[in-house]
Amino acid sequence: MSIITQIISFLYSFLFGFFICFLFFKIKMYLYKYNNIISFFNTFLFIIICSLLYFRILYYINYGVLNLYFLLLILIGIISYYINLQKKCQNKKL
């Protein structure tokens, strides 16, 4: 894998983690609106769709090669969105 492909994969993984967290917080009220079984099914379906979307686009970038650090970058993207969200909430309270 070339260095350009790795950098694009890094950026995509980080932005995908950021996007997943954003999307989850936006549709959280719809996912947990119903009873536990339907909420579990909706969350499971959300995870499956997001995973398929991630691998489909990753396939176009680097032929579907998944390394551990791509998953770590998704996690870092989720954490950075959550930290950014907390800062926004604290600024609104002030």
N, C-alpha and C. Protein backbone atom coordinates (compact mmCIF):
# COMPACT_ATOMS: atom_id res chain seq x y z
N MET A 1 0.85 -1.17 0.00
CA MET A 1 0.00 0.00 0.00
C MET A 1 0.90 1.24 0.00
N SER A 2 0.64 2.15 -0.90
CA SER A 2 1.48 3.35 -0.99
C SER A 2 1.16 4.32 0.16
N ILE A 3 2.04 5.27 0.35
CA ILE A 3 1.88 6.22 1.45
C ILE A 3 0.66 7.12 1.23
N ILE A 4 0.39 7.47 -0.02
CA ILE A 4 -0.79 8.30 -0.32
C ILE A 4 -2.07 7.54 0.02
N THR A 5 -2.11 6.27 -0.32
CA THR A 5 -3.28 5.45 0.00
C THR A 5 -3.46 5.31 1.50
N GLN A 6 -2.36 5.19 2.23
CA GLN A 6 -2.46 5.09 3.69
C GLN A 6 -2.96 6.39 4.30
N ILE A 7 -2.48 7.52 3.80
CA ILE A 7 -2.93 8.81 4.34
C ILE A 7 -4.41 9.02 4.05
N ILE A 8 -4.84 8.68 2.86
CA ILE A 8 -6.27 8.79 2.53
C ILE A 8 -7.08 7.86 3.42
N SER A 9 -6.58 6.66 3.66
CA SER A 9 -7.28 5.71 4.54
C SER A 9 -7.32 6.22 5.98
N PHE A 10 -6.23 6.83 6.45
CA PHE A 10 -6.22 7.43 7.78
C PHE A 10 -7.29 8.51 7.90
N LEU A 11 -7.28 9.43 6.95
CA LEU A 11 -8.25 10.53 6.99
C LEU A 11 -9.68 10.01 6.91
N TYR A 12 -9.90 9.04 6.04
CA TYR A 12 -11.24 8.48 5.90
C TYR A 12 -11.68 7.81 7.20
N SER A 13 -10.81 7.06 7.83
CA SER A 13 -11.18 6.37 9.07
C SER A 13 -11.49 7.37 10.18
N PHE A 14 -10.66 8.41 10.31
CA PHE A 14 -10.91 9.42 11.33
C PHE A 14 -12.22 10.14 11.08
N LEU A 15 -12.45 10.58 9.84
CA LEU A 15 -13.68 11.29 9.51
C LEU A 15 -14.91 10.39 9.61
N PHE A 16 -14.74 9.12 9.32
CA PHE A 16 -15.86 8.20 9.45
C PHE A 16 -16.25 8.03 10.92
N GLY A 17 -15.26 7.95 11.82
CA GLY A 17 -15.56 7.88 13.25
C GLY A 17 -16.27 9.13 13.72
N PHE A 18 -15.82 10.28 13.25
CA PHE A 18 -16.47 11.55 13.58
C PHE A 18 -17.90 11.55 13.06
N PHE A 19 -18.11 11.09 11.83
CA PHE A 19 -19.43 11.06 11.21
C PHE A 19 -20.36 10.08 11.92
N ILE A 20 -19.86 8.92 12.31
CA ILE A 20 -20.68 7.93 12.99
C ILE A 20 -21.17 8.47 14.33
N CYS A 21 -20.30 9.10 15.07
CA CYS A 21 -20.70 9.66 16.35
C CYS A 21 -21.71 10.78 16.16
N PHE A 22 -21.49 11.64 15.17
CA PHE A 22 -22.44 12.71 14.86
C PHE A 22 -23.81 12.12 14.51
N LEU A 23 -23.82 11.14 13.64
CA LEU A 23 -25.06 10.52 13.20
C LEU A 23 -25.76 9.82 14.35
N PHE A 24 -25.01 9.15 15.19
CA PHE A 24 -25.61 8.45 16.32
C PHE A 24 -26.28 9.41 17.29
N PHE A 25 -25.63 10.54 17.59
CA PHE A 25 -26.24 11.50 18.50
C PHE A 25 -27.47 12.16 17.88
N LYS A 26 -27.48 12.30 16.56
CA LYS A 26 -28.64 12.91 15.90
C LYS A 26 -29.85 11.98 15.87
N ILE A 27 -29.62 10.67 15.71
CA ILE A 27 -30.75 9.76 15.61
C ILE A 27 -30.97 8.95 16.89
N LYS A 28 -30.29 9.31 17.97
CA LYS A 28 -30.41 8.57 19.22
C LYS A 28 -31.83 8.58 19.75
N MET A 29 -32.52 9.67 19.62
CA MET A 29 -33.88 9.72 20.14
C MET A 29 -34.82 8.81 19.36
N TYR A 30 -34.52 8.56 18.10
CA TYR A 30 -35.34 7.64 17.33
C TYR A 30 -34.97 6.18 17.58
N LEU A 31 -33.71 5.92 17.89
CA LEU A 31 -33.27 4.55 18.15
C LEU A 31 -33.83 4.03 19.47
N TYR A 32 -33.94 4.89 20.47
CA TYR A 32 -34.37 4.45 21.80
C TYR A 32 -35.78 4.91 22.14
N LYS A 33 -36.57 5.19 21.14
CA LYS A 33 -37.93 5.67 21.36
C LYS A 33 -38.88 4.54 21.76
N TYR A 34 -38.60 3.33 21.31
CA TYR A 34 -39.51 2.20 21.49
C TYR A 34 -39.00 1.28 22.60
N ASN A 35 -39.63 0.13 22.74
CA ASN A 35 -39.23 -0.79 23.81
C ASN A 35 -37.84 -1.37 23.55
N ASN A 36 -37.36 -2.18 24.46
CA ASN A 36 -35.97 -2.64 24.42
C ASN A 36 -35.66 -3.51 23.22
N ILE A 37 -36.57 -4.37 22.82
CA ILE A 37 -36.30 -5.27 21.70
C ILE A 37 -36.18 -4.50 20.40
N ILE A 38 -37.08 -3.58 20.18
CA ILE A 38 -37.02 -2.77 18.95
C ILE A 38 -35.82 -1.84 18.97
N SER A 39 -35.48 -1.30 20.14
CA SER A 39 -34.29 -0.45 20.25
C SER A 39 -33.02 -1.24 19.96
N PHE A 40 -32.96 -2.47 20.46
CA PHE A 40 -31.81 -3.32 20.19
C PHE A 40 -31.70 -3.60 18.69
N PHE A 41 -32.82 -3.93 18.06
CA PHE A 41 -32.83 -4.21 16.63
C PHE A 41 -32.42 -2.98 15.82
N ASN A 42 -32.93 -1.81 16.20
CA ASN A 42 -32.57 -0.57 15.49
C ASN A 42 -31.08 -0.25 15.65
N THR A 43 -30.55 -0.42 16.84
CA THR A 43 -29.13 -0.17 17.06
C THR A 43 -28.27 -1.16 16.27
N PHE A 44 -28.68 -2.43 16.29
CA PHE A 44 -27.97 -3.45 15.54
C PHE A 44 -27.99 -3.14 14.04
N LEU A 45 -29.13 -2.73 13.53
CA LEU A 45 -29.25 -2.38 12.12
C LEU A 45 -28.39 -1.16 11.78
N PHE A 46 -28.34 -0.18 12.67
CA PHE A 46 -27.51 1.00 12.47
C PHE A 46 -26.04 0.62 12.39
N ILE A 47 -25.60 -0.26 13.27
CA ILE A 47 -24.20 -0.69 13.28
C ILE A 47 -23.87 -1.47 12.01
N ILE A 48 -24.76 -2.35 11.58
CA ILE A 48 -24.53 -3.13 10.37
C ILE A 48 -24.43 -2.22 9.15
N ILE A 49 -25.34 -1.27 9.03
CA ILE A 49 -25.32 -0.35 7.88
C ILE A 49 -24.05 0.49 7.88
N CYS A 50 -23.66 0.99 9.04
CA CYS A 50 -22.43 1.79 9.11
C CYS A 50 -21.19 0.95 8.79
N SER A 51 -21.17 -0.28 9.26
CA SER A 51 -20.03 -1.16 8.96
C SER A 51 -19.94 -1.47 7.48
N LEU A 52 -21.07 -1.76 6.86
CA LEU A 52 -21.07 -2.03 5.43
C LEU A 52 -20.64 -0.80 4.63
N LEU A 53 -21.09 0.37 5.05
CA LEU A 53 -20.70 1.60 4.38
C LEU A 53 -19.20 1.84 4.51
N TYR A 54 -18.65 1.60 5.71
CA TYR A 54 -17.22 1.79 5.93
C TYR A 54 -16.40 0.86 5.04
N PHE A 55 -16.75 -0.42 5.02
CA PHE A 55 -15.98 -1.37 4.24
C PHE A 55 -16.15 -1.16 2.75
N ARG A 56 -17.32 -0.72 2.34
CA ARG A 56 -17.55 -0.47 0.90
C ARG A 56 -16.66 0.67 0.41
N ILE A 57 -16.61 1.75 1.15
CA ILE A 57 -15.77 2.88 0.74
C ILE A 57 -14.29 2.54 0.92
N LEU A 58 -13.96 1.79 1.97
CA LEU A 58 -12.58 1.37 2.17
C LEU A 58 -12.13 0.45 1.04
N TYR A 59 -13.04 -0.31 0.49
CA TYR A 59 -12.71 -1.17 -0.64
C TYR A 59 -12.29 -0.33 -1.85
N TYR A 60 -12.96 0.80 -2.05
CA TYR A 60 -12.59 1.68 -3.16
C TYR A 60 -11.27 2.41 -2.92
N ILE A 61 -10.95 2.66 -1.66
CA ILE A 61 -9.72 3.39 -1.36
C ILE A 61 -8.50 2.47 -1.45
N ASN A 62 -8.55 1.34 -0.74
CA ASN A 62 -7.36 0.48 -0.68
C ASN A 62 -7.70 -1.01 -0.83
N TYR A 63 -8.71 -1.30 -1.58
CA TYR A 63 -9.13 -2.68 -1.88
C TYR A 63 -9.51 -3.46 -0.63
N GLY A 64 -10.05 -2.78 0.35
CA GLY A 64 -10.59 -3.43 1.54
C GLY A 64 -9.58 -3.90 2.56
N VAL A 65 -8.36 -3.41 2.49
CA VAL A 65 -7.35 -3.80 3.48
C VAL A 65 -7.66 -3.06 4.78
N LEU A 66 -7.89 -3.84 5.82
CA LEU A 66 -8.23 -3.26 7.11
C LEU A 66 -7.11 -3.56 8.09
N ASN A 67 -6.52 -2.51 8.61
CA ASN A 67 -5.46 -2.66 9.61
C ASN A 67 -5.98 -2.18 10.96
N LEU A 68 -5.30 -2.58 12.01
CA LEU A 68 -5.72 -2.23 13.35
C LEU A 68 -5.74 -0.72 13.56
N TYR A 69 -4.79 -0.02 12.98
CA TYR A 69 -4.74 1.43 13.20
C TYR A 69 -5.88 2.17 12.50
N PHE A 70 -6.52 1.57 11.51
CA PHE A 70 -7.72 2.19 10.94
C PHE A 70 -8.85 2.17 11.96
N LEU A 71 -8.98 1.05 12.67
CA LEU A 71 -10.01 0.97 13.71
C LEU A 71 -9.70 1.92 14.87
N LEU A 72 -8.41 2.06 15.18
CA LEU A 72 -8.03 3.02 16.23
C LEU A 72 -8.35 4.45 15.81
N LEU A 73 -8.18 4.76 14.53
CA LEU A 73 -8.51 6.11 14.06
C LEU A 73 -10.02 6.36 14.09
N ILE A 74 -10.81 5.34 13.84
CA ILE A 74 -12.26 5.50 14.00
C ILE A 74 -12.58 5.82 15.45
N LEU A 75 -11.96 5.10 16.37
CA LEU A 75 -12.16 5.35 17.79
C LEU A 75 -11.70 6.76 18.19
N ILE A 76 -10.59 7.21 17.66
CA ILE A 76 -10.11 8.57 17.93
C ILE A 76 -11.08 9.60 17.37
N GLY A 77 -11.66 9.33 16.21
CA GLY A 77 -12.66 10.23 15.64
C GLY A 77 -13.90 10.32 16.51
N ILE A 78 -14.33 9.19 17.05
CA ILE A 78 -15.50 9.18 17.94
C ILE A 78 -15.19 9.96 19.21
N ILE A 79 -14.03 9.74 19.79
CA ILE A 79 -13.65 10.44 21.02
C ILE A 79 -13.52 11.94 20.78
N SER A 80 -12.94 12.33 19.66
CA SER A 80 -12.79 13.77 19.38
C SER A 80 -14.14 14.43 19.17
N TYR A 81 -15.08 13.74 18.55
CA TYR A 81 -16.42 14.32 18.40
C TYR A 81 -17.08 14.46 19.76
N TYR A 82 -16.93 13.44 20.61
CA TYR A 82 -17.55 13.50 21.93
C TYR A 82 -16.96 14.63 22.77
N ILE A 83 -15.65 14.82 22.70
CA ILE A 83 -15.01 15.93 23.43
C ILE A 83 -15.49 17.26 22.88
N ASN A 84 -15.59 17.36 21.55
CA ASN A 84 -16.07 18.58 20.92
C ASN A 84 -17.52 18.86 21.31
N LEU A 85 -18.34 17.82 21.42
CA LEU A 85 -19.73 17.97 21.82
C LEU A 85 -19.85 18.45 23.25
N GLN A 86 -19.00 17.93 24.14
CA GLN A 86 -19.01 18.37 25.53
C GLN A 86 -18.62 19.83 25.66
N LYS A 87 -17.66 20.28 24.86
CA LYS A 87 -17.26 21.69 24.90
C LYS A 87 -18.40 22.58 24.44
N LYS A 88 -19.13 22.15 23.42
CA LYS A 88 -20.27 22.94 22.94
C LYS A 88 -21.36 23.01 23.99
N CYS A 89 -21.60 21.91 24.69
CA CYS A 89 -22.63 21.89 25.73
C CYS A 89 -22.24 22.78 26.90
N GLN A 90 -20.96 22.79 27.26
CA GLN A 90 -20.50 23.65 28.35
C GLN A 90 -20.59 25.12 27.97
N ASN A 91 -20.32 25.45 26.72
CA ASN A 91 -20.42 26.85 26.27
C ASN A 91 -21.87 27.31 26.25
N LYS A 92 -22.81 26.43 25.95
CA LYS A 92 -24.23 26.82 25.95
C LYS A 92 -24.74 27.05 27.35
N LYS A 93 -24.19 26.32 28.34
CA LYS A 93 -24.64 26.48 29.72
C LYS A 93 -24.14 27.79 30.31
N LEU A 94 -23.01 28.28 29.84
CA LEU A 94 -22.45 29.51 30.38
C LEU A 94 -23.18 30.66 29.87
